[in-house]
Amino acid sequence: MKCDQCNKPAVVHETVITAGVQTTVHLCAEHAMMQLHHVPASAPIAELLAAHLTGSRHQPACGGCGMTLAEFRKHNLAGCSACFDALSPAIDQAIQRAQGGAAAHCGRAPARRDDAEARQAYRARLLNDLEQAVAAERYEVAAQVRNALRDVDGIAGQQA
């Protein structure tokens, strides 16, 4: 086989099936490198497939300390303050998982504060979170949200 872009022998043969249509691409070593197909001759195919499926080739890294996304996911600890900017999508996902889907902390209002609208908005958000947790069968999260609802209702009952 020859390269689809030049007449050199093809070393990378990629077959892609999209919507039932099969497309085959044949590339020489130079064109494969330009399209980021890195196939070392000594690597077993299972390792190549695992690396491709996990996306280890294109992981973002912190400019400050060099921490990669894989390292952050392994430890859930940032290496420096620049990590928060470089790895923000992964950090945001980790925060949402840790907080039951919430991206921002919205704690209780002080008892002396008489802001019924904010309390009602917080209560509505808690009810929505409770419905989502029950629908996803995340009962521990649902219990925590239920307890937060009880706290909000207790504050409202004390001020009335």
C-alpha atoms as a PDB file:
ATOM      1  CA  MET A   1       0.000   0.000   0.000  1.00  0.00           C
ATOM      2  CA  LYS A   2       1.101   3.548  -0.687  1.00  0.00           C
ATOM      3  CA  CYS A   3       0.412   6.706   1.323  1.00  0.00           C
ATOM      4  CA  ASP A   4      -2.797   8.519   0.373  1.00  0.00           C
ATOM      5  CA  GLN A   5      -0.909  11.835   0.332  1.00  0.00           C
ATOM      6  CA  CYS A   6       2.335  10.821  -1.395  1.00  0.00           C
ATOM      7  CA  ASN A   7       3.854   7.759  -3.114  1.00  0.00           C
ATOM      8  CA  LYS A   8       5.853   6.469  -0.133  1.00  0.00           C
ATOM      9  CA  PRO A   9       4.987   3.108   1.455  1.00  0.00           C
ATOM     10  CA  ALA A  10       2.205   3.388   4.019  1.00  0.00           C
ATOM     11  CA  VAL A  11       2.991   2.293   7.579  1.00  0.00           C
ATOM     12  CA  VAL A  12      -0.260   3.399   9.248  1.00  0.00           C
ATOM     13  CA  HIS A  13      -3.559   1.969   8.066  1.00  0.00           C
ATOM     14  CA  GLU A  14      -6.613   3.398   9.824  1.00  0.00           C
ATOM     15  CA  THR A  15     -10.164   2.212   9.200  1.00  0.00           C
ATOM     16  CA  VAL A  16     -12.974   4.387  10.561  1.00  0.00           C
ATOM     17  CA  ILE A  17     -16.654   3.438  10.462  1.00  0.00           C
ATOM     18  CA  THR A  18     -19.021   6.389  10.804  1.00  0.00           C
ATOM     19  CA  ALA A  19     -22.783   5.965  10.395  1.00  0.00           C
ATOM     20  CA  GLY A  20     -22.232   2.635   8.678  1.00  0.00           C
ATOM     21  CA  VAL A  21     -19.757   4.053   6.134  1.00  0.00           C
ATOM     22  CA  GLN A  22     -16.257   2.571   6.224  1.00  0.00           C
ATOM     23  CA  THR A  23     -13.313   4.829   5.374  1.00  0.00           C
ATOM     24  CA  THR A  24      -9.713   3.613   5.198  1.00  0.00           C
ATOM     25  CA  VAL A  25      -6.698   5.930   5.378  1.00  0.00           C
ATOM     26  CA  HIS A  26      -3.162   4.844   4.510  1.00  0.00           C
ATOM     27  CA  LEU A  27      -0.295   7.095   5.644  1.00  0.00           C
ATOM     28  CA  CYS A  28       3.493   7.056   5.425  1.00  0.00           C
ATOM     29  CA  ALA A  29       5.545   7.716   8.570  1.00  0.00           C
ATOM     30  CA  GLU A  30       5.911  11.463   7.876  1.00  0.00           C
ATOM     31  CA  HIS A  31       2.216  12.082   7.236  1.00  0.00           C
ATOM     32  CA  ALA A  32       1.240   9.880  10.180  1.00  0.00           C
ATOM     33  CA  MET A  33       3.446  12.002  12.476  1.00  0.00           C
ATOM     34  CA  MET A  34       1.880  15.194  11.098  1.00  0.00           C
ATOM     35  CA  GLN A  35      -1.558  13.828  12.003  1.00  0.00           C
ATOM     36  CA  LEU A  36      -0.322  12.699  15.464  1.00  0.00           C
ATOM     37  CA  HIS A  37      -0.441   8.966  14.752  1.00  0.00           C
ATOM     38  CA  HIS A  38       2.494   7.708  16.781  1.00  0.00           C
ATOM     39  CA  VAL A  39       2.992   3.970  16.337  1.00  0.00           C
ATOM     40  CA  PRO A  40       6.246   2.655  17.769  1.00  0.00           C
ATOM     41  CA  ALA A  41       7.244  -0.634  16.177  1.00  0.00           C
ATOM     42  CA  SER A  42       8.056  -2.338  19.494  1.00  0.00           C
ATOM     43  CA  ALA A  43       4.782  -1.550  21.339  1.00  0.00           C
ATOM     44  CA  PRO A  44       2.169  -4.298  21.658  1.00  0.00           C
ATOM     45  CA  ILE A  45      -1.189  -3.476  20.099  1.00  0.00           C
ATOM     46  CA  ALA A  46      -3.027  -3.834  23.444  1.00  0.00           C
ATOM     47  CA  GLU A  47      -0.919  -1.066  24.995  1.00  0.00           C
ATOM     48  CA  LEU A  48      -1.449   1.168  21.966  1.00  0.00           C
ATOM     49  CA  LEU A  49      -5.208   0.675  22.128  1.00  0.00           C
ATOM     50  CA  ALA A  50      -5.283   1.331  25.882  1.00  0.00           C
ATOM     51  CA  ALA A  51      -3.305   4.550  25.435  1.00  0.00           C
ATOM     52  CA  HIS A  52      -5.591   5.640  22.626  1.00  0.00           C
ATOM     53  CA  LEU A  53      -8.785   4.878  24.540  1.00  0.00           C
ATOM     54  CA  THR A  54      -7.635   6.668  27.704  1.00  0.00           C
ATOM     55  CA  GLY A  55      -6.516   9.685  25.703  1.00  0.00           C
ATOM     56  CA  SER A  56      -3.095   9.761  27.334  1.00  0.00           C
ATOM     57  CA  ARG A  57      -1.529  11.449  24.302  1.00  0.00           C
ATOM     58  CA  HIS A  58      -3.303  14.805  24.647  1.00  0.00           C
ATOM     59  CA  GLN A  59      -3.619  15.381  28.378  1.00  0.00           C
ATOM     60  CA  PRO A  60      -3.318  18.979  29.529  1.00  0.00           C
ATOM     61  CA  ALA A  61      -0.507  19.783  31.906  1.00  0.00           C
ATOM     62  CA  CYS A  62       0.079  22.653  34.317  1.00  0.00           C
ATOM     63  CA  GLY A  63       2.530  25.265  33.116  1.00  0.00           C
ATOM     64  CA  GLY A  64       3.726  25.936  36.657  1.00  0.00           C
ATOM     65  CA  CYS A  65       4.568  22.505  38.043  1.00  0.00           C
ATOM     66  CA  GLY A  66       3.975  20.163  35.076  1.00  0.00           C
ATOM     67  CA  MET A  67       1.200  18.150  36.764  1.00  0.00           C
ATOM     68  CA  THR A  68      -0.889  16.235  34.240  1.00  0.00           C
ATOM     69  CA  LEU A  69      -4.572  15.486  34.353  1.00  0.00           C
ATOM     70  CA  ALA A  70      -3.830  11.830  35.119  1.00  0.00           C
ATOM     71  CA  GLU A  71      -1.745  12.798  38.162  1.00  0.00           C
ATOM     72  CA  PHE A  72      -4.479  15.127  39.411  1.00  0.00           C
ATOM     73  CA  ARG A  73      -7.126  12.421  39.035  1.00  0.00           C
ATOM     74  CA  LYS A  74      -4.901   9.931  40.851  1.00  0.00           C
ATOM     75  CA  HIS A  75      -4.338  12.127  43.913  1.00  0.00           C
ATOM     76  CA  ASN A  76      -7.126  14.764  43.679  1.00  0.00           C
ATOM     77  CA  LEU A  77      -4.536  17.300  44.806  1.00  0.00           C
ATOM     78  CA  ALA A  78      -3.245  20.252  42.807  1.00  0.00           C
ATOM     79  CA  GLY A  79       0.514  20.775  42.654  1.00  0.00           C
ATOM     80  CA  CYS A  80       0.466  24.591  42.587  1.00  0.00           C
ATOM     81  CA  SER A  81      -1.910  27.538  42.168  1.00  0.00           C
ATOM     82  CA  ALA A  82      -1.497  27.474  38.369  1.00  0.00           C
ATOM     83  CA  CYS A  83      -3.003  23.959  38.295  1.00  0.00           C
ATOM     84  CA  PHE A  84      -6.455  25.417  38.941  1.00  0.00           C
ATOM     85  CA  ASP A  85      -6.306  27.385  35.685  1.00  0.00           C
ATOM     86  CA  ALA A  86      -4.647  24.684  33.573  1.00  0.00           C
ATOM     87  CA  LEU A  87      -6.768  21.776  34.820  1.00  0.00           C
ATOM     88  CA  SER A  88     -10.007  23.650  35.590  1.00  0.00           C
ATOM     89  CA  PRO A  89     -12.423  21.361  33.650  1.00  0.00           C
ATOM     90  CA  ALA A  90     -11.208  18.276  35.530  1.00  0.00           C
ATOM     91  CA  ILE A  91     -11.149  20.116  38.852  1.00  0.00           C
ATOM     92  CA  ASP A  92     -14.701  21.374  38.290  1.00  0.00           C
ATOM     93  CA  GLN A  93     -15.863  17.807  37.590  1.00  0.00           C
ATOM     94  CA  ALA A  94     -14.153  16.543  40.751  1.00  0.00           C
ATOM     95  CA  ILE A  95     -15.809  19.273  42.836  1.00  0.00           C
ATOM     96  CA  GLN A  96     -19.223  18.459  41.378  1.00  0.00           C
ATOM     97  CA  ARG A  97     -18.752  14.747  42.141  1.00  0.00           C
ATOM     98  CA  ALA A  98     -17.666  15.535  45.697  1.00  0.00           C
ATOM     99  CA  GLN A  99     -20.599  17.892  46.294  1.00  0.00           C
ATOM    100  CA  GLY A 100     -23.320  15.767  44.750  1.00  0.00           C
ATOM    101  CA  GLY A 101     -23.520  17.701  41.484  1.00  0.00           C
ATOM    102  CA  ALA A 102     -23.318  21.216  42.951  1.00  0.00           C
ATOM    103  CA  ALA A 103     -20.668  23.458  41.422  1.00  0.00           C
ATOM    104  CA  ALA A 104     -20.868  26.238  44.004  1.00  0.00           C
ATOM    105  CA  HIS A 105     -21.331  26.212  47.750  1.00  0.00           C
ATOM    106  CA  CYS A 106     -24.618  27.749  48.802  1.00  0.00           C
ATOM    107  CA  GLY A 107     -24.733  27.406  52.575  1.00  0.00           C
ATOM    108  CA  ARG A 108     -27.290  28.492  55.118  1.00  0.00           C
ATOM    109  CA  ALA A 109     -28.056  32.166  55.603  1.00  0.00           C
ATOM    110  CA  PRO A 110     -27.439  33.700  59.049  1.00  0.00           C
ATOM    111  CA  ALA A 111     -30.522  33.642  61.318  1.00  0.00           C
ATOM    112  CA  ARG A 112     -30.509  37.439  61.665  1.00  0.00           C
ATOM    113  CA  ARG A 113     -30.769  37.877  57.919  1.00  0.00           C
ATOM    114  CA  ASP A 114     -34.335  38.298  56.741  1.00  0.00           C
ATOM    115  CA  ASP A 115     -34.007  37.487  53.047  1.00  0.00           C
ATOM    116  CA  ALA A 116     -37.037  35.349  52.242  1.00  0.00           C
ATOM    117  CA  GLU A 117     -36.407  35.419  48.488  1.00  0.00           C
ATOM    118  CA  ALA A 118     -32.876  34.047  48.777  1.00  0.00           C
ATOM    119  CA  ARG A 119     -34.058  31.370  51.221  1.00  0.00           C
ATOM    120  CA  GLN A 120     -36.875  30.340  48.879  1.00  0.00           C
ATOM    121  CA  ALA A 121     -34.450  30.152  45.920  1.00  0.00           C
ATOM    122  CA  TYR A 122     -32.070  28.023  47.996  1.00  0.00           C
ATOM    123  CA  ARG A 123     -34.971  25.783  49.077  1.00  0.00           C
ATOM    124  CA  ALA A 124     -36.101  25.395  45.439  1.00  0.00           C
ATOM    125  CA  ARG A 125     -32.566  24.439  44.430  1.00  0.00           C
ATOM    126  CA  LEU A 126     -32.403  21.891  47.239  1.00  0.00           C
ATOM    127  CA  LEU A 127     -35.730  20.386  46.151  1.00  0.00           C
ATOM    128  CA  ASN A 128     -34.409  20.089  42.599  1.00  0.00           C
ATOM    129  CA  ASP A 129     -31.185  18.480  43.884  1.00  0.00           C
ATOM    130  CA  LEU A 130     -33.264  16.050  45.949  1.00  0.00           C
ATOM    131  CA  GLU A 131     -35.336  15.015  42.931  1.00  0.00           C
ATOM    132  CA  GLN A 132     -32.192  14.492  40.838  1.00  0.00           C
ATOM    133  CA  ALA A 133     -30.486  12.452  43.559  1.00  0.00           C
ATOM    134  CA  VAL A 134     -33.516  10.188  44.006  1.00  0.00           C
ATOM    135  CA  ALA A 135     -33.898   9.773  40.235  1.00  0.00           C
ATOM    136  CA  ALA A 136     -30.221   8.769  39.988  1.00  0.00           C
ATOM    137  CA  GLU A 137     -30.652   6.440  42.995  1.00  0.00           C
ATOM    138  CA  ARG A 138     -27.978   8.336  44.960  1.00  0.00           C
ATOM    139  CA  TYR A 139     -29.694   7.881  48.298  1.00  0.00           C
ATOM    140  CA  GLU A 140     -26.819   9.065  50.496  1.00  0.00           C
ATOM    141  CA  VAL A 141     -26.758  12.369  48.625  1.00  0.00           C
ATOM    142  CA  ALA A 142     -30.554  12.526  48.825  1.00  0.00           C
ATOM    143  CA  ALA A 143     -30.381  12.110  52.612  1.00  0.00           C
ATOM    144  CA  GLN A 144     -27.874  14.958  52.889  1.00  0.00           C
ATOM    145  CA  VAL A 145     -30.074  17.206  50.758  1.00  0.00           C
ATOM    146  CA  ARG A 146     -33.098  16.212  52.840  1.00  0.00           C
ATOM    147  CA  ASN A 147     -31.237  17.220  55.997  1.00  0.00           C
ATOM    148  CA  ALA A 148     -30.303  20.545  54.424  1.00  0.00           C
ATOM    149  CA  LEU A 149     -33.979  21.079  53.563  1.00  0.00           C
ATOM    150  CA  ARG A 150     -34.902  20.387  57.184  1.00  0.00           C
ATOM    151  CA  ASP A 151     -32.333  22.953  58.304  1.00  0.00           C
ATOM    152  CA  VAL A 152     -33.723  25.572  55.907  1.00  0.00           C
ATOM    153  CA  ASP A 153     -37.287  24.814  57.002  1.00  0.00           C
ATOM    154  CA  GLY A 154     -36.214  24.990  60.650  1.00  0.00           C
ATOM    155  CA  ILE A 155     -34.722  28.456  60.131  1.00  0.00           C
ATOM    156  CA  ALA A 156     -37.864  29.634  58.367  1.00  0.00           C
ATOM    157  CA  GLY A 157     -40.046  28.222  61.159  1.00  0.00           C
ATOM    158  CA  GLN A 158     -38.020  29.969  63.887  1.00  0.00           C
ATOM    159  CA  GLN A 159     -38.294  33.366  62.210  1.00  0.00           C
ATOM    160  CA  ALA A 160     -42.047  33.163  61.563  1.00  0.00           C
END
